[in-house]
Amino acid sequence: MTKPSAAYEIIEQALKMEERRGMYVVVYDFKGSRSIPRFYDNLAEVLSTLGGELIQRSVVQTRSRRCATAVVALADRYGAKVEGFRTLPLHR
């Protein structure tokens, strides 16, 4: 039997949460410049399932608290330094 992906397990947990709409930004950083292909594969799965987008290599934007929480959990699982924020629009 195949072990479920990290993304699958994290998505399952996120779907149990109450959804709160808003604008969320998640920023993560891996030590050094190492790239972790498996992380980005799992991140793509989380974003496509829960609704978010990568706006820079290490910045995710979403309108879903579930998605933001899942990205934080995924990045943490892979050892990244990670922070998630709920944002407010700036008025001119």
C-alpha atoms as a PDB file:
ATOM      1  CA  MET A   1       0.000   0.000   0.000  1.00  0.00           C
ATOM      2  CA  THR A   2       1.325   3.445  -0.940  1.00  0.00           C
ATOM      3  CA  LYS A   3       1.830   5.995   1.804  1.00  0.00           C
ATOM      4  CA  PRO A   4      -0.290   9.157   1.294  1.00  0.00           C
ATOM      5  CA  SER A   5       1.642  12.274   0.306  1.00  0.00           C
ATOM      6  CA  ALA A   6       2.453  14.937   2.866  1.00  0.00           C
ATOM      7  CA  ALA A   7       0.061  17.214   0.966  1.00  0.00           C
ATOM      8  CA  TYR A   8      -2.800  14.719   1.222  1.00  0.00           C
ATOM      9  CA  GLU A   9      -2.452  14.418   5.013  1.00  0.00           C
ATOM     10  CA  ILE A  10      -2.215  18.186   5.475  1.00  0.00           C
ATOM     11  CA  ILE A  11      -5.177  18.860   3.166  1.00  0.00           C
ATOM     12  CA  GLU A  12      -7.287  16.362   5.107  1.00  0.00           C
ATOM     13  CA  GLN A  13      -6.528  18.225   8.350  1.00  0.00           C
ATOM     14  CA  ALA A  14      -7.195  21.637   6.769  1.00  0.00           C
ATOM     15  CA  LEU A  15     -10.591  20.541   5.453  1.00  0.00           C
ATOM     16  CA  LYS A  16     -11.667  19.809   9.045  1.00  0.00           C
ATOM     17  CA  MET A  17     -11.089  23.455  10.006  1.00  0.00           C
ATOM     18  CA  GLU A  18     -13.717  26.154   9.855  1.00  0.00           C
ATOM     19  CA  GLU A  19     -13.128  28.330   6.804  1.00  0.00           C
ATOM     20  CA  ARG A  20     -12.554  32.050   7.257  1.00  0.00           C
ATOM     21  CA  ARG A  21     -12.321  34.126   4.122  1.00  0.00           C
ATOM     22  CA  GLY A  22      -9.894  37.002   3.903  1.00  0.00           C
ATOM     23  CA  MET A  23      -6.540  37.649   2.278  1.00  0.00           C
ATOM     24  CA  TYR A  24      -3.654  35.595   3.631  1.00  0.00           C
ATOM     25  CA  VAL A  25       0.030  35.635   2.796  1.00  0.00           C
ATOM     26  CA  VAL A  26       2.473  32.898   3.771  1.00  0.00           C
ATOM     27  CA  VAL A  27       6.219  33.509   3.558  1.00  0.00           C
ATOM     28  CA  TYR A  28       8.757  30.723   3.982  1.00  0.00           C
ATOM     29  CA  ASP A  29      12.507  30.323   3.670  1.00  0.00           C
ATOM     30  CA  PHE A  30      14.726  27.277   3.544  1.00  0.00           C
ATOM     31  CA  LYS A  31      18.250  27.659   4.924  1.00  0.00           C
ATOM     32  CA  GLY A  32      20.736  28.415   2.194  1.00  0.00           C
ATOM     33  CA  SER A  33      19.612  28.222  -1.393  1.00  0.00           C
ATOM     34  CA  ARG A  34      18.720  24.551  -1.450  1.00  0.00           C
ATOM     35  CA  SER A  35      15.680  23.622  -3.445  1.00  0.00           C
ATOM     36  CA  ILE A  36      13.395  20.853  -2.263  1.00  0.00           C
ATOM     37  CA  PRO A  37      11.522  19.471  -5.305  1.00  0.00           C
ATOM     38  CA  ARG A  38       9.261  17.267  -3.182  1.00  0.00           C
ATOM     39  CA  PHE A  39       8.130  20.321  -1.194  1.00  0.00           C
ATOM     40  CA  TYR A  40       7.148  22.162  -4.375  1.00  0.00           C
ATOM     41  CA  ASP A  41       5.256  19.110  -5.693  1.00  0.00           C
ATOM     42  CA  ASN A  42       3.281  18.935  -2.451  1.00  0.00           C
ATOM     43  CA  LEU A  43       2.807  22.719  -2.413  1.00  0.00           C
ATOM     44  CA  ALA A  44       1.300  22.589  -5.918  1.00  0.00           C
ATOM     45  CA  GLU A  45      -1.165  19.954  -4.707  1.00  0.00           C
ATOM     46  CA  VAL A  46      -2.170  22.060  -1.678  1.00  0.00           C
ATOM     47  CA  LEU A  47      -2.613  25.212  -3.774  1.00  0.00           C
ATOM     48  CA  SER A  48      -4.671  23.524  -6.478  1.00  0.00           C
ATOM     49  CA  THR A  49      -6.912  21.774  -3.953  1.00  0.00           C
ATOM     50  CA  LEU A  50      -7.438  24.586  -1.443  1.00  0.00           C
ATOM     51  CA  GLY A  51      -7.123  27.617  -3.698  1.00  0.00           C
ATOM     52  CA  GLY A  52      -3.963  29.658  -3.516  1.00  0.00           C
ATOM     53  CA  GLU A  53      -1.207  30.918  -5.748  1.00  0.00           C
ATOM     54  CA  LEU A  54       2.538  31.239  -5.609  1.00  0.00           C
ATOM     55  CA  ILE A  55       3.312  34.940  -6.143  1.00  0.00           C
ATOM     56  CA  GLN A  56       7.074  34.533  -5.633  1.00  0.00           C
ATOM     57  CA  ARG A  57       9.215  31.459  -5.127  1.00  0.00           C
ATOM     58  CA  SER A  58       8.674  31.599  -1.370  1.00  0.00           C
ATOM     59  CA  VAL A  59       5.451  33.621  -1.021  1.00  0.00           C
ATOM     60  CA  VAL A  60       1.907  32.264  -1.265  1.00  0.00           C
ATOM     61  CA  GLN A  61      -1.262  34.353  -1.461  1.00  0.00           C
ATOM     62  CA  THR A  62      -4.717  32.926  -0.804  1.00  0.00           C
ATOM     63  CA  ARG A  63      -8.220  33.931   0.225  1.00  0.00           C
ATOM     64  CA  SER A  64      -8.586  30.735   2.276  1.00  0.00           C
ATOM     65  CA  ARG A  65      -7.530  30.319   5.887  1.00  0.00           C
ATOM     66  CA  ARG A  66      -7.499  26.571   5.299  1.00  0.00           C
ATOM     67  CA  CYS A  67      -5.000  26.974   2.471  1.00  0.00           C
ATOM     68  CA  ALA A  68      -2.790  29.362   4.465  1.00  0.00           C
ATOM     69  CA  THR A  69      -2.747  26.996   7.442  1.00  0.00           C
ATOM     70  CA  ALA A  70      -1.945  24.039   5.176  1.00  0.00           C
ATOM     71  CA  VAL A  71       0.971  25.877   3.529  1.00  0.00           C
ATOM     72  CA  VAL A  72       2.362  26.813   6.960  1.00  0.00           C
ATOM     73  CA  ALA A  73       2.118  23.170   8.075  1.00  0.00           C
ATOM     74  CA  LEU A  74       3.739  21.893   4.872  1.00  0.00           C
ATOM     75  CA  ALA A  75       6.646  24.350   4.977  1.00  0.00           C
ATOM     76  CA  ASP A  76       7.196  23.573   8.657  1.00  0.00           C
ATOM     77  CA  ARG A  77       7.206  19.855   7.906  1.00  0.00           C
ATOM     78  CA  TYR A  78      10.050  20.388   5.415  1.00  0.00           C
ATOM     79  CA  GLY A  79      12.067  22.446   7.905  1.00  0.00           C
ATOM     80  CA  ALA A  80      11.452  25.937   6.539  1.00  0.00           C
ATOM     81  CA  LYS A  81      11.263  29.063   8.603  1.00  0.00           C
ATOM     82  CA  VAL A  82       7.649  30.067   7.952  1.00  0.00           C
ATOM     83  CA  GLU A  83       5.172  32.791   8.896  1.00  0.00           C
ATOM     84  CA  GLY A  84       1.543  33.239   7.888  1.00  0.00           C
ATOM     85  CA  PHE A  85      -0.334  36.534   7.935  1.00  0.00           C
ATOM     86  CA  ARG A  86      -3.873  37.764   7.435  1.00  0.00           C
ATOM     87  CA  THR A  87      -3.658  41.001   5.490  1.00  0.00           C
ATOM     88  CA  LEU A  88      -5.768  44.122   5.210  1.00  0.00           C
ATOM     89  CA  PRO A  89      -5.985  46.284   2.095  1.00  0.00           C
ATOM     90  CA  LEU A  90      -4.132  49.576   2.073  1.00  0.00           C
ATOM     91  CA  HIS A  91      -6.255  52.558   1.150  1.00  0.00           C
ATOM     92  CA  ARG A  92      -4.763  55.488  -0.727  1.00  0.00           C
END
